[in-house]
N, C-alpha and C. Protein backbone atom coordinates (compact mmCIF):
# COMPACT_ATOMS: atom_id res chain seq x y z
N UNK A 1 52.07 22.54 -50.97
CA UNK A 1 50.60 22.53 -50.92
C UNK A 1 50.13 21.50 -49.89
N UNK A 2 49.20 21.93 -49.01
CA UNK A 2 48.69 21.03 -48.00
C UNK A 2 47.72 20.02 -48.62
N UNK A 3 47.86 18.79 -48.18
CA UNK A 3 46.95 17.75 -48.67
C UNK A 3 45.58 17.95 -48.04
N UNK A 4 44.57 17.77 -48.84
CA UNK A 4 43.20 17.84 -48.34
C UNK A 4 42.89 16.53 -47.64
N UNK A 5 43.02 16.53 -46.31
CA UNK A 5 42.88 15.28 -45.55
C UNK A 5 41.45 14.76 -45.58
N UNK A 6 40.48 15.65 -45.84
CA UNK A 6 39.10 15.19 -45.88
C UNK A 6 38.71 14.53 -47.18
N UNK A 7 39.51 14.71 -48.23
CA UNK A 7 39.14 14.20 -49.54
C UNK A 7 39.02 12.68 -49.59
N UNK A 8 39.98 11.90 -49.01
CA UNK A 8 39.82 10.44 -49.05
C UNK A 8 38.53 9.97 -48.37
N UNK A 9 38.13 10.66 -47.29
CA UNK A 9 36.91 10.28 -46.60
C UNK A 9 35.70 10.52 -47.50
N UNK A 10 35.69 11.68 -48.16
CA UNK A 10 34.57 11.99 -49.06
C UNK A 10 34.57 11.08 -50.27
N UNK A 11 35.76 10.72 -50.77
CA UNK A 11 35.84 9.80 -51.90
C UNK A 11 35.24 8.44 -51.54
N UNK A 12 35.54 7.95 -50.34
CA UNK A 12 34.99 6.68 -49.90
C UNK A 12 33.48 6.79 -49.72
N UNK A 13 33.02 7.92 -49.18
CA UNK A 13 31.59 8.13 -49.05
C UNK A 13 30.91 8.10 -50.42
N UNK A 14 31.52 8.76 -51.39
CA UNK A 14 30.93 8.80 -52.74
C UNK A 14 30.88 7.40 -53.36
N UNK A 15 31.91 6.60 -53.09
CA UNK A 15 31.92 5.22 -53.62
C UNK A 15 30.77 4.42 -53.02
N UNK A 16 30.60 4.53 -51.71
CA UNK A 16 29.51 3.81 -51.05
C UNK A 16 28.15 4.34 -51.51
N UNK A 17 28.08 5.65 -51.76
CA UNK A 17 26.82 6.22 -52.25
C UNK A 17 26.45 5.63 -53.61
N UNK A 18 27.45 5.45 -54.47
CA UNK A 18 27.18 4.84 -55.77
C UNK A 18 26.70 3.40 -55.59
N UNK A 19 27.30 2.67 -54.65
CA UNK A 19 26.85 1.31 -54.36
C UNK A 19 25.40 1.30 -53.87
N UNK A 20 25.07 2.25 -52.99
CA UNK A 20 23.69 2.35 -52.49
C UNK A 20 22.72 2.63 -53.63
N UNK A 21 23.11 3.53 -54.52
CA UNK A 21 22.25 3.87 -55.66
C UNK A 21 22.00 2.65 -56.53
N UNK A 22 23.04 1.83 -56.73
CA UNK A 22 22.90 0.63 -57.54
C UNK A 22 21.98 -0.39 -56.87
N UNK A 23 22.10 -0.54 -55.53
CA UNK A 23 21.23 -1.46 -54.80
C UNK A 23 19.77 -1.03 -54.91
N UNK A 24 19.54 0.26 -54.77
CA UNK A 24 18.17 0.77 -54.86
C UNK A 24 17.61 0.57 -56.27
N UNK A 25 18.42 0.90 -57.26
CA UNK A 25 17.96 0.77 -58.65
C UNK A 25 17.67 -0.68 -58.99
N UNK A 26 18.52 -1.59 -58.51
CA UNK A 26 18.32 -3.01 -58.78
C UNK A 26 17.02 -3.53 -58.17
N UNK A 27 16.61 -2.90 -57.08
CA UNK A 27 15.35 -3.29 -56.42
C UNK A 27 14.17 -2.50 -56.95
N UNK A 28 14.39 -1.65 -57.94
CA UNK A 28 13.31 -0.85 -58.51
C UNK A 28 12.87 0.29 -57.63
N UNK A 29 13.78 0.77 -56.77
CA UNK A 29 13.44 1.81 -55.80
C UNK A 29 14.18 3.11 -56.09
N UNK A 30 13.55 4.22 -55.80
CA UNK A 30 14.13 5.54 -55.95
C UNK A 30 14.50 6.09 -54.58
N UNK A 31 15.74 6.45 -54.39
CA UNK A 31 16.17 7.04 -53.12
C UNK A 31 15.87 8.53 -53.11
N UNK A 32 15.23 8.99 -52.02
CA UNK A 32 14.89 10.41 -51.86
C UNK A 32 15.53 10.91 -50.57
N UNK A 33 16.53 11.77 -50.71
CA UNK A 33 17.22 12.35 -49.56
C UNK A 33 16.46 13.60 -49.14
N UNK A 34 15.94 13.60 -47.90
CA UNK A 34 15.08 14.69 -47.43
C UNK A 34 15.84 15.54 -46.42
N UNK A 35 16.07 16.80 -46.78
CA UNK A 35 16.80 17.74 -45.93
C UNK A 35 15.87 18.83 -45.44
N UNK A 36 16.08 19.28 -44.22
CA UNK A 36 15.27 20.37 -43.67
C UNK A 36 15.84 20.77 -42.32
N UNK A 37 15.43 21.95 -41.86
CA UNK A 37 15.70 22.36 -40.49
C UNK A 37 14.77 21.61 -39.55
N UNK A 38 15.10 21.55 -38.24
CA UNK A 38 14.18 20.93 -37.29
C UNK A 38 12.82 21.62 -37.30
N UNK A 39 11.77 20.82 -37.30
CA UNK A 39 10.42 21.38 -37.21
C UNK A 39 9.81 21.83 -38.51
N UNK A 40 10.51 21.63 -39.63
CA UNK A 40 9.96 22.06 -40.92
C UNK A 40 8.83 21.16 -41.40
N UNK A 41 8.78 19.94 -40.86
CA UNK A 41 7.71 19.02 -41.24
C UNK A 41 8.14 17.88 -42.13
N UNK A 42 9.40 17.45 -42.01
CA UNK A 42 9.91 16.37 -42.86
C UNK A 42 9.09 15.10 -42.71
N UNK A 43 8.93 14.65 -41.46
CA UNK A 43 8.25 13.37 -41.24
C UNK A 43 6.80 13.43 -41.68
N UNK A 44 6.12 14.52 -41.38
CA UNK A 44 4.72 14.64 -41.79
C UNK A 44 4.59 14.58 -43.31
N UNK A 45 5.50 15.26 -44.01
CA UNK A 45 5.44 15.26 -45.47
C UNK A 45 5.78 13.89 -46.03
N UNK A 46 6.75 13.23 -45.45
CA UNK A 46 7.11 11.87 -45.90
C UNK A 46 5.91 10.93 -45.73
N UNK A 47 5.23 11.02 -44.61
CA UNK A 47 4.06 10.16 -44.38
C UNK A 47 2.97 10.41 -45.42
N UNK A 48 2.76 11.66 -45.79
CA UNK A 48 1.78 11.95 -46.83
C UNK A 48 2.20 11.36 -48.17
N UNK A 49 3.50 11.42 -48.47
CA UNK A 49 3.98 10.84 -49.73
C UNK A 49 3.87 9.32 -49.71
N UNK A 50 4.13 8.70 -48.56
CA UNK A 50 3.99 7.25 -48.45
C UNK A 50 2.55 6.82 -48.69
N UNK A 51 1.61 7.56 -48.11
CA UNK A 51 0.19 7.24 -48.31
C UNK A 51 -0.18 7.34 -49.78
N UNK A 52 0.34 8.35 -50.42
CA UNK A 52 0.02 8.56 -51.84
C UNK A 52 0.63 7.45 -52.69
N UNK A 53 1.88 7.08 -52.43
CA UNK A 53 2.51 5.98 -53.17
C UNK A 53 1.71 4.70 -53.00
N UNK A 54 1.28 4.43 -51.77
CA UNK A 54 0.51 3.21 -51.50
C UNK A 54 -0.78 3.19 -52.31
N UNK A 55 -1.42 4.35 -52.47
CA UNK A 55 -2.68 4.40 -53.22
C UNK A 55 -2.46 4.08 -54.69
N UNK A 56 -1.23 4.22 -55.18
CA UNK A 56 -0.89 3.89 -56.56
C UNK A 56 -0.26 2.50 -56.67
N UNK A 57 -0.25 1.75 -55.59
CA UNK A 57 0.35 0.42 -55.60
C UNK A 57 1.86 0.44 -55.60
N UNK A 58 2.46 1.54 -55.16
CA UNK A 58 3.91 1.67 -55.13
C UNK A 58 4.43 1.45 -53.71
N UNK A 59 5.64 0.89 -53.63
CA UNK A 59 6.24 0.60 -52.32
C UNK A 59 6.83 1.87 -51.72
N UNK A 60 6.89 1.88 -50.39
CA UNK A 60 7.50 3.01 -49.69
C UNK A 60 8.11 2.56 -48.38
N UNK A 61 9.29 3.10 -48.07
CA UNK A 61 9.97 2.80 -46.81
C UNK A 61 10.79 4.01 -46.42
N UNK A 62 11.23 4.03 -45.16
CA UNK A 62 11.92 5.20 -44.64
C UNK A 62 13.16 4.79 -43.85
N UNK A 63 14.24 5.53 -44.08
CA UNK A 63 15.41 5.50 -43.22
C UNK A 63 15.39 6.79 -42.42
N UNK A 64 15.26 6.67 -41.10
CA UNK A 64 15.14 7.84 -40.23
C UNK A 64 16.48 8.15 -39.58
N UNK A 65 17.02 9.31 -39.90
CA UNK A 65 18.25 9.76 -39.26
C UNK A 65 17.94 10.67 -38.09
N UNK A 66 18.47 10.33 -36.91
CA UNK A 66 18.27 11.16 -35.73
C UNK A 66 19.51 11.11 -34.86
N UNK A 67 19.68 12.16 -34.07
CA UNK A 67 20.82 12.18 -33.16
C UNK A 67 20.67 11.16 -32.05
N UNK A 68 19.44 10.80 -31.67
CA UNK A 68 19.24 9.79 -30.65
C UNK A 68 17.84 9.19 -30.64
N UNK A 69 16.75 9.99 -30.45
CA UNK A 69 15.44 9.38 -30.21
C UNK A 69 14.91 8.62 -31.42
N UNK A 70 13.96 7.71 -31.17
CA UNK A 70 13.35 6.92 -32.24
C UNK A 70 11.90 7.32 -32.48
N UNK A 71 11.53 8.53 -32.10
CA UNK A 71 10.14 8.97 -32.19
C UNK A 71 9.64 8.92 -33.63
N UNK A 72 10.43 9.44 -34.57
CA UNK A 72 9.97 9.52 -35.96
C UNK A 72 9.82 8.15 -36.59
N UNK A 73 10.78 7.25 -36.37
CA UNK A 73 10.67 5.91 -36.97
C UNK A 73 9.48 5.15 -36.40
N UNK A 74 9.22 5.32 -35.10
CA UNK A 74 8.05 4.67 -34.50
C UNK A 74 6.77 5.23 -35.09
N UNK A 75 6.76 6.52 -35.36
CA UNK A 75 5.59 7.15 -35.98
C UNK A 75 5.32 6.58 -37.37
N UNK A 76 6.39 6.38 -38.15
CA UNK A 76 6.24 5.83 -39.50
C UNK A 76 5.74 4.39 -39.43
N UNK A 77 6.35 3.59 -38.56
CA UNK A 77 5.94 2.18 -38.45
C UNK A 77 4.50 2.05 -37.95
N UNK A 78 4.08 2.99 -37.10
CA UNK A 78 2.71 2.93 -36.59
C UNK A 78 1.68 3.14 -37.69
N UNK A 79 2.12 3.75 -38.80
CA UNK A 79 1.24 3.96 -39.95
C UNK A 79 1.33 2.81 -40.96
N UNK A 80 2.12 1.77 -40.61
CA UNK A 80 2.16 0.58 -41.43
C UNK A 80 3.25 0.55 -42.49
N UNK A 81 4.23 1.44 -42.38
CA UNK A 81 5.30 1.50 -43.38
C UNK A 81 6.62 1.05 -42.76
N UNK A 82 7.46 0.33 -43.54
CA UNK A 82 8.76 -0.09 -43.01
C UNK A 82 9.65 1.11 -42.72
N UNK A 83 10.35 1.07 -41.60
CA UNK A 83 11.25 2.16 -41.23
C UNK A 83 12.40 1.61 -40.41
N UNK A 84 13.56 2.17 -40.64
CA UNK A 84 14.77 1.82 -39.89
C UNK A 84 15.33 3.09 -39.27
N UNK A 85 15.67 3.02 -37.99
CA UNK A 85 16.24 4.16 -37.29
C UNK A 85 17.76 4.12 -37.39
N UNK A 86 18.36 5.26 -37.73
CA UNK A 86 19.82 5.40 -37.71
C UNK A 86 20.16 6.51 -36.73
N UNK A 87 20.74 6.13 -35.59
CA UNK A 87 21.16 7.11 -34.61
C UNK A 87 22.61 7.50 -34.85
N UNK A 88 22.85 8.78 -35.03
CA UNK A 88 24.20 9.25 -35.35
C UNK A 88 25.01 9.56 -34.09
N UNK A 89 24.39 9.40 -32.91
CA UNK A 89 25.12 9.66 -31.68
C UNK A 89 25.57 11.10 -31.54
N UNK A 90 24.75 12.01 -32.03
CA UNK A 90 25.10 13.42 -31.95
C UNK A 90 25.69 13.97 -33.23
N UNK A 91 25.99 13.10 -34.21
CA UNK A 91 26.52 13.56 -35.49
C UNK A 91 25.50 14.39 -36.24
N UNK A 92 26.01 15.29 -37.09
CA UNK A 92 25.13 16.28 -37.72
C UNK A 92 24.62 15.87 -39.09
N UNK A 93 24.93 14.66 -39.56
CA UNK A 93 24.45 14.23 -40.87
C UNK A 93 24.54 12.72 -40.99
N UNK A 94 23.78 12.18 -41.90
CA UNK A 94 23.95 10.79 -42.30
C UNK A 94 25.07 10.69 -43.31
N UNK A 95 25.69 9.53 -43.40
CA UNK A 95 26.66 9.29 -44.47
C UNK A 95 26.27 8.01 -45.21
N UNK A 96 26.98 7.73 -46.29
CA UNK A 96 26.61 6.61 -47.16
C UNK A 96 26.77 5.27 -46.46
N UNK A 97 27.74 5.16 -45.54
CA UNK A 97 27.94 3.91 -44.82
C UNK A 97 26.75 3.61 -43.91
N UNK A 98 26.24 4.64 -43.24
CA UNK A 98 25.06 4.46 -42.39
C UNK A 98 23.86 4.01 -43.22
N UNK A 99 23.70 4.62 -44.38
CA UNK A 99 22.58 4.28 -45.25
C UNK A 99 22.73 2.87 -45.80
N UNK A 100 23.97 2.47 -46.11
CA UNK A 100 24.22 1.11 -46.59
C UNK A 100 23.76 0.07 -45.58
N UNK A 101 24.09 0.28 -44.31
CA UNK A 101 23.65 -0.65 -43.26
C UNK A 101 22.13 -0.63 -43.13
N UNK A 102 21.54 0.57 -43.24
CA UNK A 102 20.08 0.69 -43.12
C UNK A 102 19.37 -0.03 -44.25
N UNK A 103 19.93 0.01 -45.46
CA UNK A 103 19.32 -0.69 -46.59
C UNK A 103 19.29 -2.20 -46.34
N UNK A 104 20.36 -2.71 -45.74
CA UNK A 104 20.39 -4.13 -45.39
C UNK A 104 19.34 -4.45 -44.35
N UNK A 105 19.23 -3.58 -43.34
CA UNK A 105 18.26 -3.81 -42.27
C UNK A 105 16.83 -3.74 -42.79
N UNK A 106 16.59 -2.85 -43.76
CA UNK A 106 15.25 -2.75 -44.36
C UNK A 106 14.91 -3.98 -45.20
N UNK A 107 15.95 -4.65 -45.69
CA UNK A 107 15.72 -5.78 -46.59
C UNK A 107 15.45 -5.34 -48.00
N UNK A 108 16.16 -4.28 -48.44
CA UNK A 108 15.97 -3.79 -49.80
C UNK A 108 16.38 -4.86 -50.81
N UNK A 109 15.51 -5.11 -51.76
CA UNK A 109 15.73 -6.17 -52.73
C UNK A 109 15.03 -7.46 -52.35
N UNK A 110 14.57 -7.54 -51.10
CA UNK A 110 13.88 -8.74 -50.62
C UNK A 110 12.55 -8.34 -49.99
N UNK A 111 12.61 -7.91 -48.72
CA UNK A 111 11.38 -7.49 -48.04
C UNK A 111 10.80 -6.22 -48.64
N UNK A 112 11.69 -5.35 -49.11
CA UNK A 112 11.26 -4.08 -49.71
C UNK A 112 11.73 -4.04 -51.15
N UNK A 113 10.76 -4.06 -52.06
CA UNK A 113 11.08 -4.02 -53.49
C UNK A 113 10.16 -3.01 -54.18
N UNK A 114 10.65 -2.51 -55.34
CA UNK A 114 9.90 -1.53 -56.08
C UNK A 114 8.92 -2.16 -57.05
N UNK A 115 8.31 -1.30 -57.86
CA UNK A 115 8.61 0.13 -57.94
C UNK A 115 8.12 0.90 -56.72
N UNK A 116 8.89 1.93 -56.36
CA UNK A 116 8.56 2.71 -55.20
C UNK A 116 9.73 3.57 -54.78
N UNK A 117 9.73 3.99 -53.52
CA UNK A 117 10.74 4.92 -53.06
C UNK A 117 11.19 4.58 -51.64
N UNK A 118 12.44 4.88 -51.36
CA UNK A 118 12.96 4.86 -49.99
C UNK A 118 13.31 6.30 -49.63
N UNK A 119 12.61 6.84 -48.64
CA UNK A 119 12.88 8.19 -48.17
C UNK A 119 13.96 8.14 -47.10
N UNK A 120 14.98 8.95 -47.26
CA UNK A 120 16.07 9.02 -46.29
C UNK A 120 15.93 10.35 -45.57
N UNK A 121 15.34 10.31 -44.38
CA UNK A 121 15.15 11.55 -43.62
C UNK A 121 16.43 11.90 -42.89
N UNK A 122 17.09 12.91 -43.39
CA UNK A 122 18.40 13.29 -42.86
C UNK A 122 18.25 14.03 -41.53
N UNK A 123 19.39 14.25 -40.88
CA UNK A 123 19.41 14.99 -39.63
C UNK A 123 18.89 16.41 -39.85
N UNK A 124 18.20 16.95 -38.88
CA UNK A 124 17.57 18.25 -39.03
C UNK A 124 18.52 19.42 -39.00
N UNK A 125 19.17 19.67 -40.12
CA UNK A 125 19.90 20.91 -40.33
C UNK A 125 20.19 21.05 -41.81
N UNK A 126 20.53 22.24 -42.26
CA UNK A 126 20.70 22.51 -43.68
C UNK A 126 22.16 22.78 -44.06
N UNK A 127 23.10 22.38 -43.18
CA UNK A 127 24.51 22.63 -43.47
C UNK A 127 25.24 21.33 -43.75
N UNK A 128 25.48 20.53 -42.72
CA UNK A 128 26.29 19.31 -42.87
C UNK A 128 25.74 18.30 -43.89
N UNK A 129 24.43 18.02 -43.91
CA UNK A 129 23.95 17.00 -44.84
C UNK A 129 24.17 17.34 -46.31
N UNK A 130 24.31 18.61 -46.63
CA UNK A 130 24.43 19.00 -48.03
C UNK A 130 25.72 18.51 -48.67
N UNK A 131 26.71 18.15 -47.87
CA UNK A 131 28.01 17.76 -48.42
C UNK A 131 28.21 16.28 -48.59
N UNK A 132 27.19 15.47 -48.32
CA UNK A 132 27.37 14.01 -48.33
C UNK A 132 26.28 13.34 -49.17
N UNK A 133 26.69 12.73 -50.26
CA UNK A 133 25.77 11.93 -51.07
C UNK A 133 25.49 10.62 -50.35
N UNK A 134 24.28 10.10 -50.54
CA UNK A 134 23.88 8.90 -49.82
C UNK A 134 23.45 7.76 -50.73
N UNK A 135 23.29 8.06 -52.02
CA UNK A 135 22.76 7.08 -52.96
C UNK A 135 21.41 7.47 -53.50
N UNK A 136 21.03 8.71 -53.23
CA UNK A 136 19.72 9.20 -53.65
C UNK A 136 19.67 9.53 -55.13
N UNK A 137 18.48 9.46 -55.68
CA UNK A 137 18.23 9.96 -57.03
C UNK A 137 17.63 11.36 -56.97
N UNK A 138 16.88 11.62 -55.89
CA UNK A 138 16.20 12.90 -55.72
C UNK A 138 16.61 13.51 -54.38
N UNK A 139 16.95 14.79 -54.38
CA UNK A 139 17.16 15.53 -53.15
C UNK A 139 15.98 16.47 -52.95
N UNK A 140 15.25 16.25 -51.86
CA UNK A 140 14.09 17.07 -51.51
C UNK A 140 14.44 17.93 -50.31
N UNK A 141 14.35 19.24 -50.47
CA UNK A 141 14.55 20.16 -49.35
C UNK A 141 13.19 20.69 -48.92
N UNK A 142 12.91 20.54 -47.63
CA UNK A 142 11.66 21.04 -47.07
C UNK A 142 11.95 22.31 -46.29
N UNK A 143 11.32 23.41 -46.71
CA UNK A 143 11.36 24.66 -45.95
C UNK A 143 9.97 24.89 -45.39
N UNK A 144 9.85 25.77 -44.43
CA UNK A 144 8.52 26.05 -43.88
C UNK A 144 8.35 27.54 -43.64
N UNK A 145 7.12 27.97 -43.78
CA UNK A 145 6.79 29.40 -43.66
C UNK A 145 7.24 30.01 -42.33
N UNK A 146 7.04 29.34 -41.17
CA UNK A 146 7.44 29.97 -39.92
C UNK A 146 8.95 30.22 -39.79
N UNK A 147 9.76 29.50 -40.58
CA UNK A 147 11.21 29.69 -40.51
C UNK A 147 11.68 31.01 -41.13
N UNK A 148 10.87 31.60 -41.97
CA UNK A 148 11.27 32.83 -42.64
C UNK A 148 11.59 32.60 -44.09
N UNK A 149 11.61 33.70 -44.86
CA UNK A 149 11.77 33.61 -46.31
C UNK A 149 13.22 33.67 -46.77
N UNK A 150 14.18 33.72 -45.83
CA UNK A 150 15.58 33.90 -46.20
C UNK A 150 16.40 32.61 -46.16
N UNK A 151 15.75 31.46 -45.98
CA UNK A 151 16.48 30.20 -45.85
C UNK A 151 17.37 29.89 -47.06
N UNK A 152 16.91 30.08 -48.32
CA UNK A 152 17.80 29.78 -49.45
C UNK A 152 19.05 30.64 -49.47
N UNK A 153 18.95 31.85 -48.98
CA UNK A 153 20.11 32.75 -48.95
C UNK A 153 21.06 32.38 -47.81
N UNK A 154 20.49 31.99 -46.67
CA UNK A 154 21.32 31.64 -45.52
C UNK A 154 21.99 30.28 -45.67
N UNK A 155 21.32 29.36 -46.35
CA UNK A 155 21.84 27.99 -46.48
C UNK A 155 21.87 27.57 -47.96
N UNK A 156 22.68 28.24 -48.75
CA UNK A 156 22.64 28.01 -50.20
C UNK A 156 23.07 26.60 -50.61
N UNK A 157 23.98 25.97 -49.84
CA UNK A 157 24.47 24.65 -50.25
C UNK A 157 23.34 23.64 -50.37
N UNK A 158 22.43 23.64 -49.39
CA UNK A 158 21.33 22.68 -49.41
C UNK A 158 20.38 22.95 -50.56
N UNK A 159 20.06 24.22 -50.79
CA UNK A 159 19.11 24.55 -51.84
C UNK A 159 19.73 24.42 -53.24
N UNK A 160 21.03 24.55 -53.32
CA UNK A 160 21.71 24.40 -54.62
C UNK A 160 21.59 22.98 -55.14
N UNK A 161 21.66 21.99 -54.25
CA UNK A 161 21.63 20.59 -54.69
C UNK A 161 20.21 20.04 -54.79
N UNK A 162 19.21 20.85 -54.45
CA UNK A 162 17.82 20.36 -54.43
C UNK A 162 17.30 20.10 -55.84
N UNK A 163 16.70 18.94 -56.02
CA UNK A 163 15.90 18.68 -57.23
C UNK A 163 14.48 19.16 -57.03
N UNK A 164 14.09 19.23 -55.76
CA UNK A 164 12.70 19.48 -55.40
C UNK A 164 12.69 20.26 -54.10
N UNK A 165 11.91 21.33 -54.05
CA UNK A 165 11.74 22.11 -52.82
C UNK A 165 10.26 22.14 -52.46
N UNK A 166 9.95 21.76 -51.23
CA UNK A 166 8.59 21.85 -50.73
C UNK A 166 8.54 22.95 -49.68
N UNK A 167 7.78 24.00 -49.97
CA UNK A 167 7.56 25.05 -48.99
C UNK A 167 6.33 24.66 -48.19
N UNK A 168 6.56 24.23 -46.96
CA UNK A 168 5.51 23.64 -46.12
C UNK A 168 4.86 24.70 -45.22
N UNK A 169 3.69 24.36 -44.70
CA UNK A 169 2.93 25.18 -43.75
C UNK A 169 2.47 26.50 -44.37
N UNK A 170 2.10 26.45 -45.66
CA UNK A 170 1.64 27.67 -46.31
C UNK A 170 0.28 28.12 -45.77
N UNK A 171 -0.38 27.26 -45.00
CA UNK A 171 -1.63 27.68 -44.36
C UNK A 171 -1.39 28.76 -43.30
N UNK A 172 -0.11 28.99 -42.95
CA UNK A 172 0.23 30.00 -41.94
C UNK A 172 0.68 31.32 -42.55
N UNK A 173 0.57 31.46 -43.86
CA UNK A 173 1.09 32.65 -44.52
C UNK A 173 0.47 33.94 -43.97
N UNK A 174 -0.77 33.90 -43.59
CA UNK A 174 -1.42 35.10 -43.09
C UNK A 174 -1.15 35.35 -41.61
N UNK A 175 -0.46 34.41 -40.96
CA UNK A 175 -0.23 34.52 -39.52
C UNK A 175 1.19 34.91 -39.16
N UNK A 176 2.13 34.79 -40.10
CA UNK A 176 3.53 35.11 -39.83
C UNK A 176 4.07 36.01 -40.93
N UNK A 177 5.20 36.64 -40.65
CA UNK A 177 5.83 37.48 -41.64
C UNK A 177 6.66 36.61 -42.58
N UNK A 178 6.17 36.44 -43.79
CA UNK A 178 6.86 35.63 -44.79
C UNK A 178 6.54 36.21 -46.15
N UNK A 179 7.57 36.50 -46.93
CA UNK A 179 7.41 37.08 -48.26
C UNK A 179 7.68 36.00 -49.30
N UNK A 180 6.64 35.44 -49.93
CA UNK A 180 6.85 34.38 -50.93
C UNK A 180 7.73 34.83 -52.08
N UNK A 181 7.63 36.08 -52.50
CA UNK A 181 8.47 36.57 -53.60
C UNK A 181 9.93 36.59 -53.20
N UNK A 182 10.22 36.99 -51.96
CA UNK A 182 11.60 37.01 -51.48
C UNK A 182 12.17 35.59 -51.41
N UNK A 183 11.33 34.65 -50.96
CA UNK A 183 11.77 33.25 -50.91
C UNK A 183 12.09 32.75 -52.31
N UNK A 184 11.19 33.02 -53.27
CA UNK A 184 11.38 32.56 -54.64
C UNK A 184 12.62 33.19 -55.27
N UNK A 185 12.84 34.47 -55.01
CA UNK A 185 14.01 35.15 -55.57
C UNK A 185 15.29 34.58 -55.00
N UNK A 186 15.31 34.36 -53.69
CA UNK A 186 16.49 33.77 -53.06
C UNK A 186 16.77 32.38 -53.58
N UNK A 187 15.71 31.60 -53.76
CA UNK A 187 15.89 30.24 -54.26
C UNK A 187 16.45 30.24 -55.68
N UNK A 188 15.88 31.06 -56.55
CA UNK A 188 16.33 31.08 -57.94
C UNK A 188 17.73 31.66 -58.09
N UNK A 189 18.19 32.40 -57.09
CA UNK A 189 19.56 32.89 -57.10
C UNK A 189 20.56 31.75 -57.01
N UNK A 190 20.21 30.71 -56.27
CA UNK A 190 21.13 29.58 -56.07
C UNK A 190 20.74 28.36 -56.89
N UNK A 191 19.49 28.28 -57.36
CA UNK A 191 19.05 27.09 -58.09
C UNK A 191 17.92 27.49 -59.03
N UNK A 192 18.22 27.51 -60.30
CA UNK A 192 17.24 27.96 -61.29
C UNK A 192 16.32 26.85 -61.79
N UNK A 193 16.68 25.60 -61.52
CA UNK A 193 15.98 24.50 -62.19
C UNK A 193 15.13 23.61 -61.30
N UNK A 194 15.22 23.73 -59.98
CA UNK A 194 14.49 22.80 -59.12
C UNK A 194 12.99 23.05 -59.19
N UNK A 195 12.22 21.99 -58.99
CA UNK A 195 10.77 22.11 -58.90
C UNK A 195 10.40 22.62 -57.52
N UNK A 196 9.37 23.46 -57.45
CA UNK A 196 8.93 24.04 -56.18
C UNK A 196 7.43 23.81 -56.01
N UNK A 197 7.06 23.32 -54.83
CA UNK A 197 5.65 23.11 -54.52
C UNK A 197 5.35 23.76 -53.18
N UNK A 198 4.26 24.53 -53.14
CA UNK A 198 3.77 25.10 -51.89
C UNK A 198 2.75 24.13 -51.31
N UNK A 199 3.00 23.68 -50.07
CA UNK A 199 2.18 22.61 -49.51
C UNK A 199 1.81 22.90 -48.06
N UNK A 200 0.80 22.19 -47.61
CA UNK A 200 0.43 22.18 -46.20
C UNK A 200 -0.01 20.78 -45.84
N UNK A 201 0.71 20.15 -44.92
CA UNK A 201 0.31 18.82 -44.48
C UNK A 201 -0.96 18.87 -43.63
N UNK A 202 -1.27 20.03 -43.08
CA UNK A 202 -2.46 20.16 -42.25
C UNK A 202 -3.73 20.30 -43.08
N UNK A 203 -3.64 21.07 -44.18
CA UNK A 203 -4.84 21.30 -45.00
C UNK A 203 -4.83 20.53 -46.31
N UNK A 204 -3.70 19.86 -46.63
CA UNK A 204 -3.53 19.10 -47.87
C UNK A 204 -3.25 19.98 -49.09
N UNK A 205 -3.15 21.27 -48.92
CA UNK A 205 -2.87 22.13 -50.06
C UNK A 205 -1.56 21.71 -50.74
N UNK A 206 -1.61 21.50 -52.04
CA UNK A 206 -0.43 21.21 -52.83
C UNK A 206 0.10 19.79 -52.72
N UNK A 207 -0.45 18.99 -51.80
CA UNK A 207 0.07 17.64 -51.57
C UNK A 207 -0.10 16.77 -52.82
N UNK A 208 -1.26 16.84 -53.46
CA UNK A 208 -1.51 16.04 -54.66
C UNK A 208 -0.50 16.37 -55.76
N UNK A 209 -0.23 17.65 -55.97
CA UNK A 209 0.69 18.05 -57.04
C UNK A 209 2.10 17.55 -56.77
N UNK A 210 2.55 17.69 -55.52
CA UNK A 210 3.88 17.19 -55.16
C UNK A 210 3.95 15.68 -55.34
N UNK A 211 2.95 14.97 -54.85
CA UNK A 211 2.96 13.52 -54.95
C UNK A 211 2.86 13.05 -56.40
N UNK A 212 2.09 13.74 -57.22
CA UNK A 212 2.00 13.39 -58.64
C UNK A 212 3.37 13.49 -59.31
N UNK A 213 4.10 14.57 -58.99
CA UNK A 213 5.45 14.73 -59.55
C UNK A 213 6.34 13.58 -59.12
N UNK A 214 6.25 13.21 -57.85
CA UNK A 214 7.09 12.13 -57.33
C UNK A 214 6.75 10.80 -57.99
N UNK A 215 5.47 10.52 -58.16
CA UNK A 215 5.05 9.27 -58.80
C UNK A 215 5.55 9.21 -60.24
N UNK A 216 5.42 10.30 -60.98
CA UNK A 216 5.91 10.32 -62.36
C UNK A 216 7.42 10.09 -62.42
N UNK A 217 8.15 10.70 -61.50
CA UNK A 217 9.60 10.55 -61.49
C UNK A 217 10.00 9.12 -61.17
N UNK A 218 9.31 8.51 -60.20
CA UNK A 218 9.60 7.12 -59.86
C UNK A 218 9.35 6.20 -61.04
N UNK A 219 8.25 6.42 -61.73
CA UNK A 219 7.91 5.54 -62.86
C UNK A 219 8.87 5.73 -64.03
N UNK A 220 9.38 6.95 -64.20
CA UNK A 220 10.36 7.17 -65.25
C UNK A 220 11.65 6.44 -64.91
C-alpha cells in the first residue's frame, strides 16, 4: 500500500488550525473563513458585516488572502478596520501557518480583542481552500447570481463544509439567467443544514438578516 505523502502535511495544518482556534477563542473572537470565486463579492460583504458588528460594539478584523496585490486589505483599512495582507505568491489557498502569522501581526489578544470576529478572506476559488482548516468556527461561502445556479453542483467540496451560504447580487436576478430553485436544490444535495441568505451589497437586501445571524452566533 502506498503511503499517503500528503497526510503528514495536512495533519500539521490541522494541528496549527486547532492552535489558531484556541488563540481566537481566548481573545473572545470568532474566526470566519470566507470562500468564493473571484468577483463574487467577498470583500464587499465582509465590509458590510464589519460595519454591522461595529454598530453593536463588537470588534472586527480581516486577514486578506491574495496571490499578490494588496488592493482588498487597503480597502478594508481605508474603512477603519484592522487588516493584514497574506500574499501566497501564486498559491491557490491559505493554510493554517499563514493564518497563524497573520494573527500575530494583527495583534490578536492585544490590539484586537473580542467579543467580535476575524474574517479570513481566502483565495478566490472554490476548490483548493475547501481542503484546509484555518482555525475558523464558521465557514461562509459566498456565491453570486452572475456566476450561475450550478455552483454547488460544480464545487461540492466548498458547499459541503459551509455553515453559511450568502447568495450575493440578487438585485441582478431579473438581468441574468439564474434559477433560484435549481441553486437551492443543488445546495441541499450536498448540504442539508447550512443557513442560506439572499443578499445584495448594492441594495442592502438581506444584509440585516445575515448580520443578525452572525451577531447571535458570535455572542453564543
